[in-house]
Amino acid sequence: MKLLVCLVGLFIVTELQIVDACSNLGLTGSAGYTSPFYSSPNHPNNNPHNLDCYYRINAQSSSNVIKVTFQPFNLEKHSRCNFDYVAIYEGSSNSSRLIGKFCGTNSSFTVKGRGQFMYMHYHTDSSVPSTGFRFKFSVSASTTPACDQLSIGGGPGSGEIGSPNHPSNYPNNVDCRYRIDAGSSTRTITLTFSAFNLEGHSFCKYDFVDIRVGFKGNAATPVRKYCGSSPPAPITITGQQYVYIQFST
């Protein structure tokens, strides 16, 4: 007897919405919303020179989380993104906290911020054209308590930072940011971990502590990313007034 196996595949085709505009300060969505794709001017062809485009996302509640996904992303590469870039701020304008400044090429990446607003500034200079980007955003309700401490210190002294719920298990989807201010770049900052137990991964892709030097959040200069169950050796930082630490799960 022969057994006949029939495989049936189901597929759905939907029209991809792409909106091409230089500036849009009225992007709005509440918890559960996912936007269509928006594209930079002339994408996927080369972008115009000397652009300054602005986008503001309004999540309608300060307790929401905004997630922006770029897919794809192609801007002139530079170590400090001085020429063509997208600068993203957690707030309603470029005077808000800088999340990061992005350039180069990436097939897809995501930037996340908490609060009612996210503000993006897209800039190009007068040379080296590139194809720009597409992005979409989604809004979700925050399920974790706020844990940012962005003004620790201010001079000589010591303090202690703990992850949420420690010594019990930390929550999922945590994004805590800490900034230590030594008061002067002539002082030394020493970080000592007395306990450390995160999910392990060879590239610390999932749960991690990311340490950077400088004031500008995750646009600052990286020191190292840590994960796993072994406490890092004490970290001594000189010549810097600020140390920025991100704990993400």
C-alpha atoms as a PDB file:
ATOM      1  CA  MET A   1       0.000   0.000   0.000  1.00  0.00           C
ATOM      2  CA  LYS A   2       1.314   3.409  -0.879  1.00  0.00           C
ATOM      3  CA  LEU A   3       0.794   6.318   1.434  1.00  0.00           C
ATOM      4  CA  LEU A   4       0.230   9.578  -0.379  1.00  0.00           C
ATOM      5  CA  VAL A   5       1.182  12.662   1.574  1.00  0.00           C
ATOM      6  CA  CYS A   6      -0.157  15.975   0.378  1.00  0.00           C
ATOM      7  CA  LEU A   7       1.393  19.213   1.608  1.00  0.00           C
ATOM      8  CA  VAL A   8      -0.774  22.282   1.392  1.00  0.00           C
ATOM      9  CA  GLY A   9       0.807  25.702   1.814  1.00  0.00           C
ATOM     10  CA  LEU A  10      -1.110  28.791   2.757  1.00  0.00           C
ATOM     11  CA  PHE A  11       0.221  32.178   1.803  1.00  0.00           C
ATOM     12  CA  ILE A  12      -1.169  35.662   2.059  1.00  0.00           C
ATOM     13  CA  VAL A  13      -0.100  38.567  -0.103  1.00  0.00           C
ATOM     14  CA  THR A  14      -0.603  42.074   1.199  1.00  0.00           C
ATOM     15  CA  GLU A  15       0.282  45.392  -0.313  1.00  0.00           C
ATOM     16  CA  LEU A  16       3.298  47.054   1.310  1.00  0.00           C
ATOM     17  CA  GLN A  17       2.564  50.644   2.209  1.00  0.00           C
ATOM     18  CA  ILE A  18       5.511  53.008   1.887  1.00  0.00           C
ATOM     19  CA  VAL A  19       5.275  56.721   2.539  1.00  0.00           C
ATOM     20  CA  ASP A  20       8.021  58.927   1.071  1.00  0.00           C
ATOM     21  CA  ALA A  21       8.350  62.252   2.887  1.00  0.00           C
ATOM     22  CA  CYS A  22      11.212  64.333   4.204  1.00  0.00           C
ATOM     23  CA  SER A  23       9.620  65.472   7.450  1.00  0.00           C
ATOM     24  CA  ASN A  24       6.632  64.253   9.405  1.00  0.00           C
ATOM     25  CA  LEU A  25       6.022  65.627  12.894  1.00  0.00           C
ATOM     26  CA  GLY A  26       2.599  64.037  13.231  1.00  0.00           C
ATOM     27  CA  LEU A  27       3.313  60.296  13.423  1.00  0.00           C
ATOM     28  CA  THR A  28       0.889  58.984  16.038  1.00  0.00           C
ATOM     29  CA  GLY A  29      -0.089  55.630  17.492  1.00  0.00           C
ATOM     30  CA  SER A  30      -1.383  54.189  20.744  1.00  0.00           C
ATOM     31  CA  ALA A  31      -0.501  50.879  22.417  1.00  0.00           C
ATOM     32  CA  GLY A  32      -0.883  47.991  19.962  1.00  0.00           C
ATOM     33  CA  TYR A  33      -0.342  50.121  16.845  1.00  0.00           C
ATOM     34  CA  THR A  34       2.151  49.283  14.071  1.00  0.00           C
ATOM     35  CA  SER A  35       2.687  51.869  11.348  1.00  0.00           C
ATOM     36  CA  PRO A  36       3.203  51.382   7.620  1.00  0.00           C
ATOM     37  CA  PHE A  37       6.731  51.783   6.282  1.00  0.00           C
ATOM     38  CA  TYR A  38       8.045  55.297   5.759  1.00  0.00           C
ATOM     39  CA  SER A  39      10.977  55.894   3.426  1.00  0.00           C
ATOM     40  CA  SER A  40      13.643  58.552   3.195  1.00  0.00           C
ATOM     41  CA  PRO A  41      13.421  60.836   0.134  1.00  0.00           C
ATOM     42  CA  ASN A  42      14.138  59.053  -3.172  1.00  0.00           C
ATOM     43  CA  HIS A  43      14.711  55.639  -1.547  1.00  0.00           C
ATOM     44  CA  PRO A  44      15.720  53.091  -2.890  1.00  0.00           C
ATOM     45  CA  ASN A  45      17.619  55.424  -5.227  1.00  0.00           C
ATOM     46  CA  ASN A  46      20.340  57.724  -3.940  1.00  0.00           C
ATOM     47  CA  ASN A  47      19.256  60.346  -1.448  1.00  0.00           C
ATOM     48  CA  PRO A  48      19.496  64.077  -2.183  1.00  0.00           C
ATOM     49  CA  HIS A  49      22.371  66.074  -0.701  1.00  0.00           C
ATOM     50  CA  ASN A  50      22.051  68.582   2.153  1.00  0.00           C
ATOM     51  CA  LEU A  51      18.901  67.125   3.665  1.00  0.00           C
ATOM     52  CA  ASP A  52      17.560  67.819   7.129  1.00  0.00           C
ATOM     53  CA  CYS A  53      14.427  65.755   7.716  1.00  0.00           C
ATOM     54  CA  TYR A  54      12.588  65.498  11.025  1.00  0.00           C
ATOM     55  CA  TYR A  55      10.177  62.860  12.302  1.00  0.00           C
ATOM     56  CA  ARG A  56       8.307  62.925  15.610  1.00  0.00           C
ATOM     57  CA  ILE A  57       6.388  59.932  16.945  1.00  0.00           C
ATOM     58  CA  ASN A  58       3.656  60.489  19.530  1.00  0.00           C
ATOM     59  CA  ALA A  59       2.741  57.346  21.499  1.00  0.00           C
ATOM     60  CA  GLN A  60      -0.024  59.239  23.361  1.00  0.00           C
ATOM     61  CA  SER A  61       1.114  58.094  26.827  1.00  0.00           C
ATOM     62  CA  SER A  62       4.321  58.502  28.819  1.00  0.00           C
ATOM     63  CA  SER A  63       4.015  54.879  29.994  1.00  0.00           C
ATOM     64  CA  ASN A  64       4.318  53.449  26.466  1.00  0.00           C
ATOM     65  CA  VAL A  65       7.322  51.998  24.635  1.00  0.00           C
ATOM     66  CA  ILE A  66       8.155  53.092  21.078  1.00  0.00           C
ATOM     67  CA  LYS A  67      10.072  50.699  18.837  1.00  0.00           C
ATOM     68  CA  VAL A  68      11.438  51.894  15.475  1.00  0.00           C
ATOM     69  CA  THR A  69      12.630  49.286  12.968  1.00  0.00           C
ATOM     70  CA  PHE A  70      14.860  50.274  10.036  1.00  0.00           C
ATOM     71  CA  GLN A  71      14.774  47.863   7.102  1.00  0.00           C
ATOM     72  CA  PRO A  72      17.055  48.419   5.215  1.00  0.00           C
ATOM     73  CA  PHE A  73      19.436  51.206   6.274  1.00  0.00           C
ATOM     74  CA  ASN A  74      22.246  52.581   4.100  1.00  0.00           C
ATOM     75  CA  LEU A  75      24.022  55.856   4.902  1.00  0.00           C
ATOM     76  CA  GLU A  76      27.605  57.021   4.463  1.00  0.00           C
ATOM     77  CA  LYS A  77      29.773  55.279   7.056  1.00  0.00           C
ATOM     78  CA  HIS A  78      31.887  57.184   9.572  1.00  0.00           C
ATOM     79  CA  SER A  79      33.191  56.179  13.005  1.00  0.00           C
ATOM     80  CA  ARG A  80      31.327  59.082  14.650  1.00  0.00           C
ATOM     81  CA  CYS A  81      28.550  59.470  12.044  1.00  0.00           C
ATOM     82  CA  ASN A  82      29.656  63.047  11.328  1.00  0.00           C
ATOM     83  CA  PHE A  83      28.405  63.262   7.729  1.00  0.00           C
ATOM     84  CA  ASP A  84      25.152  61.414   6.934  1.00  0.00           C
ATOM     85  CA  TYR A  85      23.224  60.126   9.939  1.00  0.00           C
ATOM     86  CA  VAL A  86      19.964  59.553  11.763  1.00  0.00           C
ATOM     87  CA  ALA A  87      20.010  60.928  15.326  1.00  0.00           C
ATOM     88  CA  ILE A  88      17.253  59.550  17.568  1.00  0.00           C
ATOM     89  CA  TYR A  89      16.083  61.210  20.777  1.00  0.00           C
ATOM     90  CA  GLU A  90      13.865  59.960  23.585  1.00  0.00           C
ATOM     91  CA  GLY A  91      11.528  62.935  23.718  1.00  0.00           C
ATOM     92  CA  SER A  92       9.772  65.496  21.543  1.00  0.00           C
ATOM     93  CA  SER A  93      12.802  67.408  20.180  1.00  0.00           C
ATOM     94  CA  ASN A  94      16.565  67.298  19.675  1.00  0.00           C
ATOM     95  CA  SER A  95      17.035  68.787  23.137  1.00  0.00           C
ATOM     96  CA  SER A  96      15.792  65.486  24.614  1.00  0.00           C
ATOM     97  CA  ARG A  97      18.028  62.594  25.683  1.00  0.00           C
ATOM     98  CA  LEU A  98      20.011  61.218  22.742  1.00  0.00           C
ATOM     99  CA  ILE A  99      19.416  57.487  22.275  1.00  0.00           C
ATOM    100  CA  GLY A 100      21.948  57.147  19.481  1.00  0.00           C
ATOM    101  CA  LYS A 101      23.382  58.474  16.226  1.00  0.00           C
ATOM    102  CA  PHE A 102      23.346  55.952  13.386  1.00  0.00           C
ATOM    103  CA  CYS A 103      25.053  55.618   9.994  1.00  0.00           C
ATOM    104  CA  GLY A 104      26.600  52.913   7.805  1.00  0.00           C
ATOM    105  CA  THR A 105      24.828  49.885   6.328  1.00  0.00           C
ATOM    106  CA  ASN A 106      22.535  47.411   8.063  1.00  0.00           C
ATOM    107  CA  SER A 107      19.858  45.139   6.616  1.00  0.00           C
ATOM    108  CA  SER A 108      17.656  45.588   9.689  1.00  0.00           C
ATOM    109  CA  PHE A 109      17.939  46.964  13.216  1.00  0.00           C
ATOM    110  CA  THR A 110      15.643  48.266  15.940  1.00  0.00           C
ATOM    111  CA  VAL A 111      15.823  51.251  18.296  1.00  0.00           C
ATOM    112  CA  LYS A 112      13.619  51.371  21.384  1.00  0.00           C
ATOM    113  CA  GLY A 113      12.654  54.247  23.672  1.00  0.00           C
ATOM    114  CA  ARG A 114      10.273  54.813  26.564  1.00  0.00           C
ATOM    115  CA  GLY A 115       7.821  57.664  26.942  1.00  0.00           C
ATOM    116  CA  GLN A 116       5.274  59.540  24.887  1.00  0.00           C
ATOM    117  CA  PHE A 117       7.600  60.854  22.184  1.00  0.00           C
ATOM    118  CA  MET A 118      10.500  59.843  19.971  1.00  0.00           C
ATOM    119  CA  TYR A 119      12.212  62.395  17.718  1.00  0.00           C
ATOM    120  CA  MET A 120      14.439  61.602  14.728  1.00  0.00           C
ATOM    121  CA  HIS A 121      16.710  63.895  12.710  1.00  0.00           C
ATOM    122  CA  TYR A 122      17.949  62.630   9.322  1.00  0.00           C
ATOM    123  CA  HIS A 123      20.881  64.615   7.890  1.00  0.00           C
ATOM    124  CA  THR A 124      22.913  64.307   4.690  1.00  0.00           C
ATOM    125  CA  ASP A 125      25.906  66.385   3.619  1.00  0.00           C
ATOM    126  CA  SER A 126      27.047  67.523   0.168  1.00  0.00           C
ATOM    127  CA  SER A 127      28.978  64.390  -0.878  1.00  0.00           C
ATOM    128  CA  VAL A 128      28.916  60.546  -1.005  1.00  0.00           C
ATOM    129  CA  PRO A 129      25.296  59.673  -1.841  1.00  0.00           C
ATOM    130  CA  SER A 130      23.605  56.578  -0.436  1.00  0.00           C
ATOM    131  CA  THR A 131      20.184  54.969  -0.715  1.00  0.00           C
ATOM    132  CA  GLY A 132      18.790  55.980   2.684  1.00  0.00           C
ATOM    133  CA  PHE A 133      16.317  53.820   4.563  1.00  0.00           C
ATOM    134  CA  ARG A 134      12.804  52.651   5.314  1.00  0.00           C
ATOM    135  CA  PHE A 135      11.386  52.561   8.823  1.00  0.00           C
ATOM    136  CA  LYS A 136       8.223  51.633  10.655  1.00  0.00           C
ATOM    137  CA  PHE A 137       7.298  52.080  14.295  1.00  0.00           C
ATOM    138  CA  SER A 138       5.189  50.233  16.817  1.00  0.00           C
ATOM    139  CA  VAL A 139       3.802  51.245  20.201  1.00  0.00           C
ATOM    140  CA  SER A 140       3.305  48.962  23.188  1.00  0.00           C
ATOM    141  CA  ALA A 141       2.404  49.426  26.831  1.00  0.00           C
ATOM    142  CA  SER A 142       5.344  49.181  29.212  1.00  0.00           C
ATOM    143  CA  THR A 143       5.196  46.077  31.411  1.00  0.00           C
ATOM    144  CA  THR A 144       8.271  46.831  33.520  1.00  0.00           C
ATOM    145  CA  PRO A 145       8.918  49.553  36.104  1.00  0.00           C
ATOM    146  CA  ALA A 146      11.042  52.554  35.203  1.00  0.00           C
ATOM    147  CA  CYS A 147      14.606  51.936  36.335  1.00  0.00           C
ATOM    148  CA  ASP A 148      16.668  54.737  34.782  1.00  0.00           C
ATOM    149  CA  GLN A 149      19.136  56.623  36.963  1.00  0.00           C
ATOM    150  CA  LEU A 150      20.799  59.205  34.730  1.00  0.00           C
ATOM    151  CA  SER A 151      22.283  61.541  37.337  1.00  0.00           C
ATOM    152  CA  ILE A 152      24.301  59.365  39.726  1.00  0.00           C
ATOM    153  CA  GLY A 153      27.143  61.053  41.574  1.00  0.00           C
ATOM    154  CA  GLY A 154      28.460  64.490  40.697  1.00  0.00           C
ATOM    155  CA  GLY A 155      31.754  64.268  42.547  1.00  0.00           C
ATOM    156  CA  PRO A 156      33.960  61.989  44.666  1.00  0.00           C
ATOM    157  CA  GLY A 157      32.120  59.243  46.524  1.00  0.00           C
ATOM    158  CA  SER A 158      30.606  55.807  46.017  1.00  0.00           C
ATOM    159  CA  GLY A 159      27.209  54.280  45.399  1.00  0.00           C
ATOM    160  CA  GLU A 160      25.413  51.065  44.550  1.00  0.00           C
ATOM    161  CA  ILE A 161      23.279  50.124  41.536  1.00  0.00           C
ATOM    162  CA  GLY A 162      21.064  47.043  41.487  1.00  0.00           C
ATOM    163  CA  SER A 163      19.035  45.408  38.738  1.00  0.00           C
ATOM    164  CA  PRO A 164      15.229  45.308  39.222  1.00  0.00           C
ATOM    165  CA  ASN A 165      14.056  42.614  41.699  1.00  0.00           C
ATOM    166  CA  HIS A 166      17.608  41.601  42.706  1.00  0.00           C
ATOM    167  CA  PRO A 167      18.374  39.149  44.324  1.00  0.00           C
ATOM    168  CA  SER A 168      15.233  37.572  42.808  1.00  0.00           C
ATOM    169  CA  ASN A 169      14.926  37.060  39.043  1.00  0.00           C
ATOM    170  CA  TYR A 170      14.842  40.214  36.958  1.00  0.00           C
ATOM    171  CA  PRO A 171      11.798  40.830  34.690  1.00  0.00           C
ATOM    172  CA  ASN A 172      11.752  40.228  30.945  1.00  0.00           C
ATOM    173  CA  ASN A 173      12.087  43.139  28.503  1.00  0.00           C
ATOM    174  CA  VAL A 174      13.953  45.394  30.925  1.00  0.00           C
ATOM    175  CA  ASP A 175      15.838  48.392  29.535  1.00  0.00           C
ATOM    176  CA  CYS A 176      17.578  50.255  32.372  1.00  0.00           C
ATOM    177  CA  ARG A 177      20.005  53.115  31.763  1.00  0.00           C
ATOM    178  CA  TYR A 178      22.421  54.473  34.381  1.00  0.00           C
ATOM    179  CA  ARG A 179      24.805  57.407  33.991  1.00  0.00           C
ATOM    180  CA  ILE A 180      27.556  58.043  36.542  1.00  0.00           C
ATOM    181  CA  ASP A 181      28.941  61.574  36.777  1.00  0.00           C
ATOM    182  CA  ALA A 182      32.389  61.887  38.354  1.00  0.00           C
ATOM    183  CA  GLY A 183      32.129  65.683  38.303  1.00  0.00           C
ATOM    184  CA  SER A 184      35.379  65.995  36.348  1.00  0.00           C
ATOM    185  CA  SER A 185      37.338  64.038  33.741  1.00  0.00           C
ATOM    186  CA  THR A 186      40.409  64.207  36.008  1.00  0.00           C
ATOM    187  CA  ARG A 187      38.866  61.677  38.421  1.00  0.00           C
ATOM    188  CA  THR A 188      38.869  57.873  38.235  1.00  0.00           C
ATOM    189  CA  ILE A 189      35.674  55.795  38.084  1.00  0.00           C
ATOM    190  CA  THR A 190      35.869  52.180  39.284  1.00  0.00           C
ATOM    191  CA  LEU A 191      33.021  49.711  38.711  1.00  0.00           C
ATOM    192  CA  THR A 192      32.925  46.585  40.895  1.00  0.00           C
ATOM    193  CA  PHE A 193      30.279  43.861  40.450  1.00  0.00           C
ATOM    194  CA  SER A 194      29.550  42.037  43.722  1.00  0.00           C
ATOM    195  CA  ALA A 195      26.952  39.776  42.051  1.00  0.00           C
ATOM    196  CA  PHE A 196      26.335  39.014  38.386  1.00  0.00           C
ATOM    197  CA  ASN A 197      24.038  36.405  36.823  1.00  0.00           C
ATOM    198  CA  LEU A 198      22.615  36.995  33.328  1.00  0.00           C
ATOM    199  CA  GLU A 199      21.664  34.730  30.463  1.00  0.00           C
ATOM    200  CA  GLY A 200      24.853  33.650  28.695  1.00  0.00           C
ATOM    201  CA  HIS A 201      25.598  34.053  24.980  1.00  0.00           C
ATOM    202  CA  SER A 202      28.884  34.188  23.060  1.00  0.00           C
ATOM    203  CA  PHE A 203      28.050  37.683  21.749  1.00  0.00           C
ATOM    204  CA  CYS A 204      25.787  38.753  24.670  1.00  0.00           C
ATOM    205  CA  LYS A 205      22.916  39.025  22.202  1.00  0.00           C
ATOM    206  CA  TYR A 206      20.018  38.587  24.639  1.00  0.00           C
ATOM    207  CA  ASP A 207      20.532  39.808  28.229  1.00  0.00           C
ATOM    208  CA  PHE A 208      23.526  42.074  28.804  1.00  0.00           C
ATOM    209  CA  VAL A 209      25.191  44.956  30.611  1.00  0.00           C
ATOM    210  CA  ASP A 210      26.713  47.420  28.136  1.00  0.00           C
ATOM    211  CA  ILE A 211      29.273  49.879  29.519  1.00  0.00           C
ATOM    212  CA  ARG A 212      30.251  53.039  27.635  1.00  0.00           C
ATOM    213  CA  VAL A 213      32.156  56.229  28.395  1.00  0.00           C
ATOM    214  CA  GLY A 214      30.658  59.635  27.642  1.00  0.00           C
ATOM    215  CA  PHE A 215      27.421  61.517  28.188  1.00  0.00           C
ATOM    216  CA  LYS A 216      25.521  60.561  25.019  1.00  0.00           C
ATOM    217  CA  GLY A 217      23.948  57.270  25.994  1.00  0.00           C
ATOM    218  CA  ASN A 218      24.384  54.375  23.580  1.00  0.00           C
ATOM    219  CA  ALA A 219      26.018  56.755  21.101  1.00  0.00           C
ATOM    220  CA  ALA A 220      28.946  57.028  23.528  1.00  0.00           C
ATOM    221  CA  THR A 221      32.223  55.116  23.144  1.00  0.00           C
ATOM    222  CA  PRO A 222      31.814  51.419  24.039  1.00  0.00           C
ATOM    223  CA  VAL A 223      33.998  49.801  26.696  1.00  0.00           C
ATOM    224  CA  ARG A 224      32.580  46.280  26.739  1.00  0.00           C
ATOM    225  CA  LYS A 225      29.347  44.279  26.837  1.00  0.00           C
ATOM    226  CA  TYR A 226      28.953  41.637  29.571  1.00  0.00           C
ATOM    227  CA  CYS A 227      26.662  38.643  30.144  1.00  0.00           C
ATOM    228  CA  GLY A 228      26.793  35.170  31.709  1.00  0.00           C
ATOM    229  CA  SER A 229      27.177  34.161  35.349  1.00  0.00           C
ATOM    230  CA  SER A 230      30.750  35.229  36.135  1.00  0.00           C
ATOM    231  CA  PRO A 231      31.158  38.692  37.703  1.00  0.00           C
ATOM    232  CA  PRO A 232      33.430  40.887  35.561  1.00  0.00           C
ATOM    233  CA  ALA A 233      36.743  41.950  37.055  1.00  0.00           C
ATOM    234  CA  PRO A 234      36.753  45.495  38.478  1.00  0.00           C
ATOM    235  CA  ILE A 235      36.661  48.084  35.684  1.00  0.00           C
ATOM    236  CA  THR A 236      38.749  51.243  36.096  1.00  0.00           C
ATOM    237  CA  ILE A 237      38.024  54.200  33.814  1.00  0.00           C
ATOM    238  CA  THR A 238      40.221  57.297  33.652  1.00  0.00           C
ATOM    239  CA  GLY A 239      40.038  60.515  31.659  1.00  0.00           C
ATOM    240  CA  GLN A 240      36.229  60.477  31.516  1.00  0.00           C
ATOM    241  CA  GLN A 241      33.633  62.430  33.481  1.00  0.00           C
ATOM    242  CA  TYR A 242      30.732  60.145  32.556  1.00  0.00           C
ATOM    243  CA  VAL A 243      30.144  56.399  32.421  1.00  0.00           C
ATOM    244  CA  TYR A 244      26.936  55.114  30.824  1.00  0.00           C
ATOM    245  CA  ILE A 245      25.586  51.654  31.702  1.00  0.00           C
ATOM    246  CA  GLN A 246      22.684  49.897  29.992  1.00  0.00           C
ATOM    247  CA  PHE A 247      21.052  46.761  31.402  1.00  0.00           C
ATOM    248  CA  SER A 248      18.856  45.077  28.784  1.00  0.00           C
ATOM    249  CA  THR A 249      16.881  41.812  28.849  1.00  0.00           C
END
